[in-house]
C-alpha cells in the first residue's frame, strides 16, 4: 500500500509564492518543496549546506557560494548559478512585493562566477548574511517557470528542488505533495 502522512494546521495557507510570504504555516509547507542555499541547523545555532555545498568570504562585502551539481527543479529545469541570481534579484525587486524586503535590502546583487559559483554582494558588511541565506525569502526558484507563469500559478502551483513535489491544492482545504524521486 501507499504510505501517507497527514499534517493538520489550525491556520490556512493563503498563497504559495515563497518570495511574498511571511506566514510561518506557509513556510513550514513550502520548505518541503523549495530549498535555500543554506538551512538552519537543528539546534538553530548555525547554518548547514542545502543548495550550496560550501561558502567563503571573499571580502567585507562579498560571500562566495559553491553550488550543488546535478540538481533539477521539479519541472526539469536545471538548478545553477543563474537560478540563484534570478531568485535573489526577483525577491529584491520591489515589483515582486516581498513582505520582508527590509530584512534583505542589505543585499546589493548576485554575480555569477561560473555555472556552480555565485557571489552575493552586500551594500555594507553583513555579519548575518549566512542566516539571511537560509530564510524563506531566499528560496531558489526555477527562472523559466517564474518568468513565464501567470501570477496566479506562481501563488498556487509551486515548483522547487525540495524533497516533496506539489500535486494539488484546494484553497482552505487539502494541499497534497508526493515524494521527489530525485
Protein backbone atom coordinates (compact mmCIF):
# COMPACT_ATOMS: atom_id res chain seq x y z
CA UNK A 1 0.00 0.00 0.00
CA UNK A 2 0.80 3.65 -0.26
CA UNK A 3 2.35 5.42 2.74
CA UNK A 4 0.82 8.73 3.70
CA UNK A 5 1.40 11.30 6.36
CA UNK A 6 -1.29 13.84 7.18
CA UNK A 7 -0.49 17.09 8.94
CA UNK A 8 -3.28 19.39 10.10
CA UNK A 9 -2.86 23.08 10.89
CA UNK A 10 -5.23 25.38 12.74
CA UNK A 11 -4.50 28.07 10.15
CA UNK A 12 -4.91 28.21 6.37
CA UNK A 13 -2.30 28.58 3.67
CA UNK A 14 -3.15 31.66 1.61
CA UNK A 15 -0.74 31.53 -1.32
CA UNK A 16 2.43 29.63 -2.23
CA UNK A 17 4.84 32.13 -3.84
CA UNK A 18 7.82 31.92 -1.46
CA UNK A 19 9.10 35.43 -2.13
CA UNK A 20 5.89 37.10 -0.99
CA UNK A 21 5.19 35.02 2.12
CA UNK A 22 5.72 35.95 5.77
CA UNK A 23 3.50 33.34 7.40
CA UNK A 24 5.07 30.52 9.45
CA UNK A 25 2.43 27.95 8.50
CA UNK A 26 3.05 28.59 4.81
CA UNK A 27 6.81 28.47 5.38
CA UNK A 28 6.54 25.07 7.05
CA UNK A 29 4.67 23.82 3.97
CA UNK A 30 6.92 25.48 1.36
CA UNK A 31 10.14 24.20 3.00
CA UNK A 32 9.14 20.71 1.83
CA UNK A 33 9.01 21.79 -1.82
CA UNK A 34 11.61 24.54 -2.01
CA UNK A 35 15.19 24.93 -0.80
CA UNK A 36 17.56 27.79 0.04
CA UNK A 37 21.32 27.90 -0.35
CA UNK A 38 21.60 27.19 3.37
CA UNK A 39 19.35 25.76 6.07
CA UNK A 40 19.38 26.40 9.83
CA UNK A 41 20.91 23.60 11.87
CA UNK A 42 18.56 21.54 14.05
CA UNK A 43 19.70 23.43 17.17
CA UNK A 44 19.41 26.79 15.32
CA UNK A 45 22.96 27.72 16.35
CA UNK A 46 24.45 27.64 12.84
CA UNK A 47 23.64 27.09 9.19
CA UNK A 48 24.25 23.99 7.11
CA UNK A 49 24.57 23.34 3.37
CA UNK A 50 21.41 22.90 1.34
CA UNK A 51 21.71 24.03 -2.31
CA UNK A 52 25.15 25.48 -1.52
CA UNK A 53 27.88 22.99 -0.63
CA UNK A 54 30.39 25.47 0.77
CA UNK A 55 30.93 29.21 1.17
CA UNK A 56 33.68 31.66 1.98
CA UNK A 57 34.00 35.38 2.50
CA UNK A 58 35.90 36.99 -0.41
CA UNK A 59 35.96 40.49 1.12
CA UNK A 60 33.93 42.62 3.54
CA UNK A 61 31.03 42.85 1.07
CA UNK A 62 31.19 39.54 -0.81
CA UNK A 63 30.33 35.98 0.18
CA UNK A 64 31.00 33.26 -2.38
CA UNK A 65 28.84 30.14 -2.56
CA UNK A 66 29.68 26.88 -4.36
CA UNK A 67 26.51 25.15 -5.54
CA UNK A 68 25.35 21.54 -5.65
CA UNK A 69 25.68 19.87 -9.05
CA UNK A 70 23.08 17.74 -10.85
CA UNK A 71 20.05 19.25 -9.13
CA UNK A 72 16.84 19.73 -11.08
CA UNK A 73 13.69 21.65 -10.26
CA UNK A 74 10.52 19.56 -10.17
CA UNK A 75 9.66 20.78 -13.70
CA UNK A 76 13.01 19.60 -15.11
CA UNK A 77 14.76 22.98 -15.18
CA UNK A 78 18.39 22.82 -14.10
CA UNK A 79 19.50 24.40 -10.83
CA UNK A 80 22.60 26.55 -11.35
CA UNK A 81 24.13 29.95 -10.60
CA UNK A 82 21.68 31.73 -12.94
CA UNK A 83 18.77 30.35 -10.88
CA UNK A 84 20.34 31.76 -7.70
CA UNK A 85 20.88 35.17 -9.29
CA UNK A 86 17.34 35.22 -10.71
CA UNK A 87 15.77 34.20 -7.39
CA UNK A 88 17.59 36.73 -5.20
CA UNK A 89 17.10 39.55 -7.71
CA UNK A 90 13.39 38.65 -8.02
CA UNK A 91 12.97 38.80 -4.25
CA UNK A 92 14.81 42.17 -4.11
CA UNK A 93 12.71 43.68 -6.92
CA UNK A 94 10.05 45.94 -5.31
CA UNK A 95 7.59 44.81 -8.03
CA UNK A 96 7.64 41.30 -6.54
CA UNK A 97 6.16 42.61 -3.29
CA UNK A 98 8.35 40.66 -0.85
CA UNK A 99 6.76 41.30 2.53
CA UNK A 100 10.08 41.02 4.40
CA UNK A 101 12.09 43.04 1.88
CA UNK A 102 13.55 45.34 4.54
CA UNK A 103 15.28 42.29 6.06
CA UNK A 104 17.15 41.73 2.77
CA UNK A 105 17.77 45.25 1.46
CA UNK A 106 21.38 44.95 2.63
CA UNK A 107 21.95 42.60 -0.31
CA UNK A 108 23.03 44.63 -3.32
CA UNK A 109 23.23 41.96 -6.03
CA UNK A 110 24.36 38.48 -7.04
CA UNK A 111 27.20 37.90 -9.51
CA UNK A 112 27.52 34.64 -11.44
CA UNK A 113 31.17 33.49 -11.28
CA UNK A 114 30.61 30.25 -13.17
CA UNK A 115 27.83 27.68 -13.59
CA UNK A 116 28.09 26.50 -9.97
CA UNK A 117 29.53 29.55 -8.17
CA UNK A 118 27.87 32.81 -7.15
CA UNK A 119 28.97 35.86 -5.22
CA UNK A 120 26.38 37.57 -3.02
CA UNK A 121 27.40 41.21 -2.67
CA UNK A 122 26.08 43.38 0.16
CA UNK A 123 25.85 47.18 0.43
CA UNK A 124 27.80 47.16 3.69
CA UNK A 125 29.42 44.41 5.78
CA UNK A 126 26.74 41.97 6.94
CA UNK A 127 27.62 39.63 9.82
CA UNK A 128 24.34 37.73 9.48
CA UNK A 129 24.31 37.18 5.71
CA UNK A 130 24.55 33.40 6.10
CA UNK A 131 21.42 33.43 8.26
CA UNK A 132 19.64 35.58 5.68
CA UNK A 133 20.50 32.99 3.01
CA UNK A 134 18.56 30.37 4.98
CA UNK A 135 15.31 32.35 5.32
CA UNK A 136 12.15 31.70 3.27
CA UNK A 137 12.56 34.80 1.07
CA UNK A 138 15.88 33.48 -0.26
CA UNK A 139 14.31 30.27 -1.59
CA UNK A 140 15.63 29.40 -5.04
CA UNK A 141 13.03 29.17 -7.80
CA UNK A 142 13.19 27.99 -11.43
CA UNK A 143 13.81 31.07 -13.63
CA UNK A 144 11.93 29.96 -16.77
CA UNK A 145 8.81 28.99 -14.83
CA UNK A 146 8.84 32.14 -12.68
CA UNK A 147 9.46 34.34 -15.74
CA UNK A 148 6.61 32.94 -17.81
CA UNK A 149 3.92 31.59 -15.46
CA UNK A 150 0.88 33.63 -14.55
CA UNK A 151 0.99 35.28 -11.11
CA UNK A 152 -1.92 33.05 -10.02
CA UNK A 153 0.08 29.93 -10.94
CA UNK A 154 3.13 31.14 -9.00
CA UNK A 155 0.85 31.57 -5.99
CA UNK A 156 -0.85 28.17 -6.37
CA UNK A 157 1.47 25.72 -8.17
CA UNK A 158 4.94 25.70 -6.55
CA UNK A 159 7.96 24.29 -8.39
CA UNK A 160 11.09 23.81 -6.31
CA UNK A 161 14.01 21.43 -5.77
CA UNK A 162 12.89 20.09 -2.39
CA UNK A 163 12.20 16.57 -1.14
CA UNK A 164 8.49 16.80 -1.99
CA UNK A 165 6.76 17.81 -5.22
CA UNK A 166 3.49 19.71 -5.42
CA UNK A 167 0.48 17.63 -6.50
CA UNK A 168 -2.62 19.70 -5.76
CA UNK A 169 -4.10 22.36 -3.52
CA UNK A 170 -7.68 23.26 -2.72
CA UNK A 171 -7.76 26.68 -1.08
CA UNK A 172 -8.99 26.34 2.52
CA UNK A 173 -8.65 22.57 2.02
CA UNK A 174 -6.00 19.96 1.32
CA UNK A 175 -2.53 20.61 -0.04
CA UNK A 176 -1.06 17.37 -1.41
CA UNK A 177 2.61 16.64 -2.09
CA UNK A 178 4.44 13.50 -3.20
CA UNK A 179 7.99 12.37 -2.57
CA UNK A 180 10.50 13.74 -5.08
CA UNK A 181 12.17 10.61 -6.54
CA UNK A 182 15.28 12.69 -7.33
